[in-house]
Amino acid sequence: MSELSKIYENIKISNLSKKDISKIAESESEFIKENGGALEAFSFLKKVEHLVKTTLDKIKDNALNDVLKGIDYAHGVKCSASGKTTYYYDNDRVWCELRDKLKEREKLLSGIKYSLEVINEETGEIETLYPPYSKVSEYVKTEF
């Protein structure tokens, strides 16, 4: 029996709906917040997250093959094949020029600390430059 199979047996998650799982997560979160141990739970769950993400990445091609063969339901989960289209514009000269101009503008704006009035060389008009603003989001960094 694999390590994951042992975990599955202990959790008994196979028969739970998404709504049931969300309720359990909400209940567990509230319990942890009220009773302490958030860092321990967070650290443990980051390891579980790593286990799940790594395993999913290793088996996704096999799962897609199963879905393409018509095997599309397991543990109360309906699966279907889907695709994502990514567009690349770097073969267009105008797009590349605009991208480069944008990079230059960002570099200019990052170099100023306060708003600044300058003359636009192309139009002769006075325009106000404003420094970029930033937003810092705090998070817990994990290493193991």
Protein backbone atom coordinates (compact mmCIF):
# COMPACT_ATOMS: atom_id res chain seq x y z
CA MET A 1 0.00 0.00 0.00
CA SER A 2 1.40 3.42 -0.96
CA GLU A 3 1.90 6.23 1.53
CA LEU A 4 -0.86 8.23 -0.16
CA SER A 5 -3.25 5.29 0.13
CA LYS A 6 -2.66 5.28 3.89
CA ILE A 7 -3.41 9.00 4.05
CA TYR A 8 -6.58 8.56 1.95
CA GLU A 9 -7.80 5.85 4.31
CA ASN A 10 -7.25 8.02 7.37
CA ILE A 11 -8.90 11.12 5.93
CA LYS A 12 -11.90 9.36 4.32
CA ILE A 13 -12.23 12.22 1.85
CA SER A 14 -13.32 10.12 -1.14
CA ASN A 15 -17.04 10.33 -0.39
CA LEU A 16 -17.12 13.99 0.62
CA SER A 17 -18.51 16.70 -1.66
CA LYS A 18 -16.70 19.96 -2.34
CA LYS A 19 -19.19 21.66 -0.04
CA ASP A 20 -18.48 19.12 2.74
CA ILE A 21 -14.74 19.65 2.36
CA SER A 22 -15.20 23.44 2.50
CA LYS A 23 -17.25 23.10 5.71
CA ILE A 24 -14.54 20.96 7.30
CA ALA A 25 -11.87 23.47 6.26
CA GLU A 26 -13.92 26.34 7.74
CA SER A 27 -14.48 24.44 10.97
CA GLU A 28 -10.81 23.47 11.27
CA SER A 29 -9.71 27.04 10.55
CA GLU A 30 -11.98 28.44 13.25
CA PHE A 31 -10.83 25.81 15.75
CA ILE A 32 -7.17 26.61 15.08
CA LYS A 33 -7.73 30.38 15.32
CA GLU A 34 -9.59 30.02 18.62
CA ASN A 35 -7.29 27.44 20.20
CA GLY A 36 -3.87 28.35 18.85
CA GLY A 37 -1.38 26.31 16.91
CA ALA A 38 -1.80 28.24 13.65
CA LEU A 39 1.90 28.07 12.78
CA GLU A 40 2.05 24.32 13.41
CA ALA A 41 -1.08 23.73 11.31
CA PHE A 42 0.14 26.08 8.57
CA SER A 43 3.53 24.36 8.40
CA PHE A 44 1.96 20.90 8.32
CA LEU A 45 -0.51 21.91 5.61
CA LYS A 46 2.29 23.45 3.49
CA LYS A 47 3.96 20.03 3.52
CA VAL A 48 0.67 18.39 2.54
CA GLU A 49 0.26 21.01 -0.20
CA HIS A 50 3.74 20.18 -1.52
CA LEU A 51 2.91 16.47 -1.47
CA VAL A 52 -0.33 17.05 -3.38
CA LYS A 53 1.11 19.50 -5.94
CA THR A 54 4.13 17.31 -6.64
CA THR A 55 2.04 14.17 -7.00
CA LEU A 56 -0.53 15.90 -9.25
CA ASP A 57 2.24 17.20 -11.47
CA LYS A 58 3.73 13.71 -11.84
CA ILE A 59 0.40 12.01 -12.73
CA LYS A 60 -1.47 14.69 -14.72
CA ASP A 61 -0.49 13.26 -18.12
CA ASN A 62 -1.73 9.81 -17.12
CA ALA A 63 -4.98 11.29 -15.78
CA LEU A 64 -5.49 13.20 -19.04
CA ASN A 65 -4.97 9.97 -20.98
CA ASP A 66 -7.64 8.27 -18.84
CA VAL A 67 -10.08 11.12 -19.47
CA LEU A 68 -9.40 10.98 -23.21
CA LYS A 69 -10.17 7.24 -23.08
CA GLY A 70 -13.54 8.03 -21.48
CA ILE A 71 -12.64 7.29 -17.86
CA ASP A 72 -13.87 10.58 -16.42
CA TYR A 73 -15.28 9.98 -12.93
CA ALA A 74 -13.58 9.01 -9.67
CA HIS A 75 -14.16 9.69 -5.96
CA GLY A 76 -17.21 11.84 -6.74
CA VAL A 77 -15.21 14.06 -9.10
CA LYS A 78 -16.23 14.54 -12.75
CA CYS A 79 -13.20 15.19 -14.96
CA SER A 80 -13.00 16.51 -18.51
CA ALA A 81 -10.24 17.43 -20.92
CA SER A 82 -9.69 21.12 -21.40
CA GLY A 83 -7.13 23.34 -23.08
CA LYS A 84 -5.59 26.74 -22.66
CA THR A 85 -4.51 28.98 -25.51
CA THR A 86 -1.51 31.23 -25.04
CA TYR A 87 -0.88 34.03 -27.51
CA TYR A 88 2.62 35.30 -28.30
CA TYR A 89 3.00 38.70 -29.91
CA ASP A 90 6.77 39.02 -30.08
CA ASN A 91 6.74 38.35 -33.82
CA ASP A 92 4.99 41.72 -34.36
CA ARG A 93 7.37 44.66 -34.79
CA VAL A 94 4.89 47.30 -33.52
CA TRP A 95 4.05 45.24 -30.44
CA CYS A 96 7.77 44.85 -29.65
CA GLU A 97 8.36 48.58 -30.06
CA LEU A 98 5.46 49.38 -27.74
CA ARG A 99 6.73 46.84 -25.18
CA ASP A 100 10.19 48.42 -25.31
CA LYS A 101 8.72 51.93 -24.94
CA LEU A 102 6.74 50.74 -21.94
CA LYS A 103 9.89 49.33 -20.34
CA GLU A 104 11.68 52.65 -20.94
CA ARG A 105 8.77 54.56 -19.41
CA GLU A 106 8.75 52.28 -16.36
CA LYS A 107 12.49 52.82 -15.93
CA LEU A 108 12.00 56.61 -16.14
CA LEU A 109 9.15 56.63 -13.62
CA SER A 110 11.03 54.35 -11.20
CA GLY A 111 13.83 56.90 -11.07
CA ILE A 112 11.68 59.73 -9.67
CA LYS A 113 10.70 60.13 -6.03
CA TYR A 114 8.12 62.93 -6.29
CA SER A 115 5.76 64.21 -8.98
CA LEU A 116 7.62 66.18 -11.60
CA GLU A 117 6.50 68.49 -14.43
CA VAL A 118 8.30 68.00 -17.73
CA ILE A 119 7.86 69.13 -21.30
CA ASN A 120 6.77 66.39 -23.66
CA GLU A 121 9.34 66.53 -26.50
CA GLU A 122 6.85 65.22 -29.07
CA THR A 123 3.93 67.58 -28.28
CA GLY A 124 5.60 70.47 -26.45
CA GLU A 125 2.97 70.20 -23.72
CA ILE A 126 3.72 70.16 -20.01
CA GLU A 127 2.92 66.85 -18.41
CA THR A 128 3.21 65.67 -14.85
CA LEU A 129 5.13 62.51 -14.12
CA TYR A 130 4.25 60.57 -11.01
CA PRO A 131 6.47 58.01 -9.33
CA PRO A 132 5.13 54.48 -9.26
CA TYR A 133 3.45 53.29 -6.12
CA SER A 134 3.97 49.88 -4.64
CA LYS A 135 2.02 47.46 -2.56
CA VAL A 136 3.64 45.04 -0.16
CA SER A 137 1.78 41.87 0.69
CA GLU A 138 3.02 39.97 3.71
CA TYR A 139 3.02 36.20 3.67
CA VAL A 140 4.58 33.29 5.48
CA LYS A 141 7.56 31.92 3.59
CA THR A 142 8.13 28.23 4.17
CA GLU A 143 11.27 26.17 3.65
CA PHE A 144 11.72 22.47 4.33
